[in-house]
Amino acid sequence: MIQNGQLLAVFNSAHRVMKAEHILKGCGVAMTLIPAPRALSTDCGLAICFSSALYDVVLNALTSEELLPEFIYRKDSDLHYEPIWCNENFQVIQ
């Protein structure tokens, strides 16, 4: 179950999200591959869930492998996910 405050990295294909999972696990990042919540529109139906404390670690690991997600969302409530980062021009949305 996704807790309020946790982050979700959303990718545009199942292949990319599974490769990102492999990279992050190889770096020792505590994360979970989950079905993407219905509130988020994703092309692949999967997302990587991780602690907000690991935000910089996750972005740095994926940047070094040139495998950035399309979006990173923060779960704010049961049905609301706030976009905090977008791959288009590497924008921080907060």
C-alpha atoms as a PDB file:
ATOM      1  CA  MET A   1       0.000   0.000   0.000  1.00  0.00           C
ATOM      2  CA  ILE A   2       1.255   3.455  -0.894  1.00  0.00           C
ATOM      3  CA  GLN A   3       1.566   5.758   2.108  1.00  0.00           C
ATOM      4  CA  ASN A   4       0.860   9.488   2.006  1.00  0.00           C
ATOM      5  CA  GLY A   5       4.101  11.345   1.250  1.00  0.00           C
ATOM      6  CA  GLN A   6       5.655   8.504  -0.740  1.00  0.00           C
ATOM      7  CA  LEU A   7       6.789   9.132  -4.312  1.00  0.00           C
ATOM      8  CA  LEU A   8       5.903   7.316  -7.517  1.00  0.00           C
ATOM      9  CA  ALA A   9       8.092   7.316 -10.613  1.00  0.00           C
ATOM     10  CA  VAL A  10       6.000   6.751 -13.746  1.00  0.00           C
ATOM     11  CA  PHE A  11       7.528   5.611 -17.031  1.00  0.00           C
ATOM     12  CA  ASN A  12       6.200   5.403 -20.580  1.00  0.00           C
ATOM     13  CA  SER A  13       6.833   1.679 -21.087  1.00  0.00           C
ATOM     14  CA  ALA A  14       6.979  -1.526 -19.076  1.00  0.00           C
ATOM     15  CA  HIS A  15      10.477  -2.180 -20.404  1.00  0.00           C
ATOM     16  CA  ARG A  16      11.765   1.157 -19.054  1.00  0.00           C
ATOM     17  CA  VAL A  17      10.169   0.771 -15.628  1.00  0.00           C
ATOM     18  CA  MET A  18      11.561  -2.757 -15.252  1.00  0.00           C
ATOM     19  CA  LYS A  19      15.022  -1.574 -16.310  1.00  0.00           C
ATOM     20  CA  ALA A  20      14.764   1.283 -13.790  1.00  0.00           C
ATOM     21  CA  GLU A  21      13.798  -1.232 -11.097  1.00  0.00           C
ATOM     22  CA  HIS A  22      16.923  -3.249 -11.923  1.00  0.00           C
ATOM     23  CA  ILE A  23      19.145  -0.146 -11.767  1.00  0.00           C
ATOM     24  CA  LEU A  24      17.717   1.053  -8.468  1.00  0.00           C
ATOM     25  CA  LYS A  25      17.919  -2.354  -6.822  1.00  0.00           C
ATOM     26  CA  GLY A  26      21.521  -2.584  -8.005  1.00  0.00           C
ATOM     27  CA  CYS A  27      22.204   0.705  -6.227  1.00  0.00           C
ATOM     28  CA  GLY A  28      20.606  -0.610  -3.043  1.00  0.00           C
ATOM     29  CA  VAL A  29      17.620   1.750  -3.234  1.00  0.00           C
ATOM     30  CA  ALA A  30      14.623   0.608  -1.187  1.00  0.00           C
ATOM     31  CA  MET A  31      11.766   0.699  -3.681  1.00  0.00           C
ATOM     32  CA  THR A  32       8.809  -1.346  -4.863  1.00  0.00           C
ATOM     33  CA  LEU A  33       7.454  -1.986  -8.360  1.00  0.00           C
ATOM     34  CA  ILE A  34       3.681  -1.590  -8.160  1.00  0.00           C
ATOM     35  CA  PRO A  35       0.648  -1.359 -10.433  1.00  0.00           C
ATOM     36  CA  ALA A  36       0.164   2.330 -11.182  1.00  0.00           C
ATOM     37  CA  PRO A  37      -2.801   3.830  -9.313  1.00  0.00           C
ATOM     38  CA  ARG A  38      -5.850   4.495 -11.463  1.00  0.00           C
ATOM     39  CA  ALA A  39      -5.620   8.186 -10.599  1.00  0.00           C
ATOM     40  CA  LEU A  40      -2.432   8.373 -12.697  1.00  0.00           C
ATOM     41  CA  SER A  41      -2.420   7.967 -16.434  1.00  0.00           C
ATOM     42  CA  THR A  42       0.437   5.722 -17.475  1.00  0.00           C
ATOM     43  CA  ASP A  43       1.222   3.956 -20.706  1.00  0.00           C
ATOM     44  CA  CYS A  44       2.658   0.881 -19.035  1.00  0.00           C
ATOM     45  CA  GLY A  45       0.477   0.450 -15.943  1.00  0.00           C
ATOM     46  CA  LEU A  46       3.447   0.171 -13.563  1.00  0.00           C
ATOM     47  CA  ALA A  47       5.210   2.599 -11.253  1.00  0.00           C
ATOM     48  CA  ILE A  48       8.128   2.595  -8.851  1.00  0.00           C
ATOM     49  CA  CYS A  49       7.220   3.572  -5.297  1.00  0.00           C
ATOM     50  CA  PHE A  50       9.891   4.969  -2.965  1.00  0.00           C
ATOM     51  CA  SER A  51      10.403   7.189   0.065  1.00  0.00           C
ATOM     52  CA  SER A  52      10.587  10.943  -0.452  1.00  0.00           C
ATOM     53  CA  ALA A  53      13.926  10.831   1.388  1.00  0.00           C
ATOM     54  CA  LEU A  54      15.340   8.927  -1.608  1.00  0.00           C
ATOM     55  CA  TYR A  55      14.238  11.478  -4.214  1.00  0.00           C
ATOM     56  CA  ASP A  56      17.755  12.740  -5.038  1.00  0.00           C
ATOM     57  CA  VAL A  57      19.264   9.245  -4.934  1.00  0.00           C
ATOM     58  CA  VAL A  58      16.653   7.903  -7.373  1.00  0.00           C
ATOM     59  CA  LEU A  59      16.989  10.842  -9.790  1.00  0.00           C
ATOM     60  CA  ASN A  60      20.789  10.680  -9.718  1.00  0.00           C
ATOM     61  CA  ALA A  61      20.871   6.910 -10.307  1.00  0.00           C
ATOM     62  CA  LEU A  62      18.407   7.098 -13.200  1.00  0.00           C
ATOM     63  CA  THR A  63      20.064  10.199 -14.685  1.00  0.00           C
ATOM     64  CA  SER A  64      23.435   8.444 -14.759  1.00  0.00           C
ATOM     65  CA  GLU A  65      21.832   5.624 -16.753  1.00  0.00           C
ATOM     66  CA  GLU A  66      19.864   8.034 -18.990  1.00  0.00           C
ATOM     67  CA  LEU A  67      16.610   6.388 -17.898  1.00  0.00           C
ATOM     68  CA  LEU A  68      14.503   9.137 -16.372  1.00  0.00           C
ATOM     69  CA  PRO A  69      10.809   8.639 -15.645  1.00  0.00           C
ATOM     70  CA  GLU A  70       8.142  10.677 -17.391  1.00  0.00           C
ATOM     71  CA  PHE A  71       6.820  12.003 -14.068  1.00  0.00           C
ATOM     72  CA  ILE A  72       7.375  11.716 -10.353  1.00  0.00           C
ATOM     73  CA  TYR A  73       4.281  12.117  -8.184  1.00  0.00           C
ATOM     74  CA  ARG A  74       3.856  12.510  -4.429  1.00  0.00           C
ATOM     75  CA  LYS A  75       0.848  10.837  -2.840  1.00  0.00           C
ATOM     76  CA  ASP A  76      -0.963  13.528  -0.877  1.00  0.00           C
ATOM     77  CA  SER A  77      -4.167  11.679   0.024  1.00  0.00           C
ATOM     78  CA  ASP A  78      -6.074   8.525  -0.865  1.00  0.00           C
ATOM     79  CA  LEU A  79      -7.039   9.737  -4.323  1.00  0.00           C
ATOM     80  CA  HIS A  80      -4.681  12.641  -4.969  1.00  0.00           C
ATOM     81  CA  TYR A  81      -1.195  12.482  -6.437  1.00  0.00           C
ATOM     82  CA  GLU A  82       0.716  15.731  -6.873  1.00  0.00           C
ATOM     83  CA  PRO A  83       3.188  15.882  -9.777  1.00  0.00           C
ATOM     84  CA  ILE A  84       6.510  17.130  -8.412  1.00  0.00           C
ATOM     85  CA  TRP A  85       8.851  16.441 -11.340  1.00  0.00           C
ATOM     86  CA  CYS A  86       8.429  16.161 -15.113  1.00  0.00           C
ATOM     87  CA  ASN A  87      10.924  14.786 -17.637  1.00  0.00           C
ATOM     88  CA  GLU A  88      10.101  17.499 -20.184  1.00  0.00           C
ATOM     89  CA  ASN A  89      13.060  19.840 -19.804  1.00  0.00           C
ATOM     90  CA  PHE A  90      13.759  18.208 -16.419  1.00  0.00           C
ATOM     91  CA  GLN A  91      11.310  20.457 -14.573  1.00  0.00           C
ATOM     92  CA  VAL A  92      10.843  20.491 -10.857  1.00  0.00           C
ATOM     93  CA  ILE A  93       7.133  21.243 -10.475  1.00  0.00           C
ATOM     94  CA  GLN A  94       7.002  21.900  -6.720  1.00  0.00           C
END
